Amino acid sequence: MKIVKVLATLFLVVLATLVVIPLIVLAGLFIWLKLTEEGDEESLELDQEGI
């Protein structure tokens, strides 16, 4: 019976990992996109002022 509990716990940990890691990656990509988007807008504004 103890082995069943260990396997169930291991299964839940693996399932949680498979859900959490992609969410962390997506959050990191979203933050990176927002940070680089601000820089792109600033460079576009500077280009338009120079025209």
N, C-alpha and C. Protein backbone atom coordinates (compact mmCIF):
# COMPACT_ATOMS: atom_id res chain seq x y z
N MET A 1 0.83 -1.20 0.00
CA MET A 1 0.00 0.00 0.00
C MET A 1 0.87 1.26 0.00
N LYS A 2 2.03 1.15 0.66
CA LYS A 2 2.92 2.30 0.71
C LYS A 2 3.44 2.65 -0.68
N ILE A 3 3.69 1.64 -1.50
CA ILE A 3 4.20 1.88 -2.86
C ILE A 3 3.18 2.63 -3.71
N VAL A 4 1.90 2.37 -3.47
CA VAL A 4 0.85 3.06 -4.21
C VAL A 4 0.84 4.55 -3.86
N LYS A 5 1.02 4.86 -2.60
CA LYS A 5 1.07 6.27 -2.17
C LYS A 5 2.29 6.97 -2.77
N VAL A 6 3.41 6.27 -2.78
CA VAL A 6 4.64 6.85 -3.34
C VAL A 6 4.46 7.10 -4.84
N LEU A 7 3.89 6.15 -5.55
CA LEU A 7 3.67 6.32 -6.99
C LEU A 7 2.66 7.43 -7.27
N ALA A 8 1.61 7.53 -6.47
CA ALA A 8 0.63 8.59 -6.65
C ALA A 8 1.26 9.96 -6.41
N THR A 9 2.07 10.06 -5.38
CA THR A 9 2.76 11.31 -5.08
C THR A 9 3.72 11.67 -6.21
N LEU A 10 4.46 10.70 -6.69
CA LEU A 10 5.39 10.93 -7.79
C LEU A 10 4.64 11.38 -9.04
N PHE A 11 3.51 10.75 -9.31
CA PHE A 11 2.70 11.12 -10.47
C PHE A 11 2.21 12.56 -10.35
N LEU A 12 1.75 12.96 -9.16
CA LEU A 12 1.28 14.33 -8.96
C LEU A 12 2.41 15.34 -9.11
N VAL A 13 3.60 14.99 -8.63
CA VAL A 13 4.75 15.89 -8.76
C VAL A 13 5.12 16.06 -10.23
N VAL A 14 5.14 14.98 -10.97
CA VAL A 14 5.47 15.05 -12.40
C VAL A 14 4.41 15.85 -13.15
N LEU A 15 3.15 15.63 -12.84
CA LEU A 15 2.07 16.37 -13.49
C LEU A 15 2.17 17.86 -13.18
N ALA A 16 2.42 18.19 -11.93
CA ALA A 16 2.57 19.60 -11.54
C ALA A 16 3.75 20.24 -12.26
N THR A 17 4.85 19.50 -12.40
CA THR A 17 6.03 20.01 -13.09
C THR A 17 5.72 20.27 -14.56
N LEU A 18 4.97 19.36 -15.18
CA LEU A 18 4.64 19.53 -16.59
C LEU A 18 3.71 20.73 -16.82
N VAL A 19 3.00 21.15 -15.80
CA VAL A 19 2.12 22.32 -15.93
C VAL A 19 2.87 23.60 -15.57
N VAL A 20 3.66 23.56 -14.52
CA VAL A 20 4.30 24.76 -13.99
C VAL A 20 5.43 25.25 -14.89
N ILE A 21 6.28 24.36 -15.38
CA ILE A 21 7.44 24.78 -16.18
C ILE A 21 7.02 25.53 -17.45
N PRO A 22 6.05 25.04 -18.25
CA PRO A 22 5.64 25.82 -19.41
C PRO A 22 5.04 27.17 -19.04
N LEU A 23 4.33 27.25 -17.92
CA LEU A 23 3.78 28.53 -17.49
C LEU A 23 4.88 29.51 -17.13
N ILE A 24 5.94 29.03 -16.50
CA ILE A 24 7.07 29.90 -16.17
C ILE A 24 7.76 30.38 -17.45
N VAL A 25 7.92 29.48 -18.41
CA VAL A 25 8.54 29.86 -19.69
C VAL A 25 7.70 30.90 -20.41
N LEU A 26 6.38 30.69 -20.46
CA LEU A 26 5.51 31.66 -21.12
C LEU A 26 5.52 33.01 -20.41
N ALA A 27 5.55 33.00 -19.10
CA ALA A 27 5.62 34.26 -18.36
C ALA A 27 6.92 34.99 -18.66
N GLY A 28 8.02 34.25 -18.73
CA GLY A 28 9.30 34.87 -19.07
C GLY A 28 9.30 35.45 -20.47
N LEU A 29 8.72 34.74 -21.42
CA LEU A 29 8.64 35.26 -22.79
C LEU A 29 7.77 36.50 -22.85
N PHE A 30 6.67 36.51 -22.10
CA PHE A 30 5.78 37.66 -22.09
C PHE A 30 6.48 38.89 -21.52
N ILE A 31 7.21 38.69 -20.43
CA ILE A 31 7.95 39.81 -19.82
C ILE A 31 9.03 40.31 -20.77
N TRP A 32 9.74 39.38 -21.41
CA TRP A 32 10.79 39.78 -22.37
C TRP A 32 10.18 40.56 -23.53
N LEU A 33 9.02 40.11 -24.01
CA LEU A 33 8.36 40.80 -25.11
C LEU A 33 7.96 42.21 -24.70
N LYS A 34 7.41 42.37 -23.50
CA LYS A 34 7.02 43.69 -23.03
C LYS A 34 8.23 44.60 -22.87
N LEU A 35 9.33 44.08 -22.37
CA LEU A 35 10.52 44.90 -22.18
C LEU A 35 11.12 45.32 -23.51
N THR A 36 11.16 44.42 -24.47
CA THR A 36 11.75 44.77 -25.76
C THR A 36 10.78 45.63 -26.59
N GLU A 37 9.49 45.49 -26.35
CA GLU A 37 8.52 46.30 -27.08
C GLU A 37 8.67 47.78 -26.75
N GLU A 38 8.95 48.09 -25.47
CA GLU A 38 9.15 49.48 -25.08
C GLU A 38 10.38 50.05 -25.77
N GLY A 39 11.43 49.28 -25.87
CA GLY A 39 12.64 49.74 -26.54
C GLY A 39 12.41 49.98 -28.02
N ASP A 40 11.61 49.13 -28.66
CA ASP A 40 11.31 49.29 -30.07
C ASP A 40 10.50 50.56 -30.32
N GLU A 41 9.55 50.85 -29.43
CA GLU A 41 8.75 52.06 -29.59
C GLU A 41 9.60 53.31 -29.45
N GLU A 42 10.56 53.29 -28.52
CA GLU A 42 11.43 54.44 -28.33
C GLU A 42 12.30 54.67 -29.57
N SER A 43 12.81 53.61 -30.15
CA SER A 43 13.67 53.77 -31.32
C SER A 43 12.85 54.25 -32.51
N LEU A 44 11.59 53.82 -32.61
CA LEU A 44 10.72 54.30 -33.69
C LEU A 44 10.43 55.78 -33.52
N GLU A 45 10.22 56.21 -32.29
CA GLU A 45 9.96 57.63 -32.04
C GLU A 45 11.17 58.46 -32.42
N LEU A 46 12.36 57.98 -32.09
CA LEU A 46 13.56 58.71 -32.44
C LEU A 46 13.74 58.79 -33.95
N ASP A 47 13.42 57.71 -34.66
CA ASP A 47 13.53 57.72 -36.11
C ASP A 47 12.56 58.73 -36.73
N GLN A 48 11.38 58.85 -36.21
CA GLN A 48 10.39 59.75 -36.76
C GLN A 48 10.78 61.20 -36.48
N GLU A 49 11.40 61.48 -35.36
CA GLU A 49 11.83 62.83 -35.04
C GLU A 49 12.98 63.27 -35.95
N GLY A 50 13.78 62.32 -36.38
CA GLY A 50 14.91 62.65 -37.22
C GLY A 50 14.52 62.96 -38.65
N ILE A 51 13.31 62.60 -39.06
CA ILE A 51 12.88 62.79 -40.45
C ILE A 51 12.52 64.23 -40.72
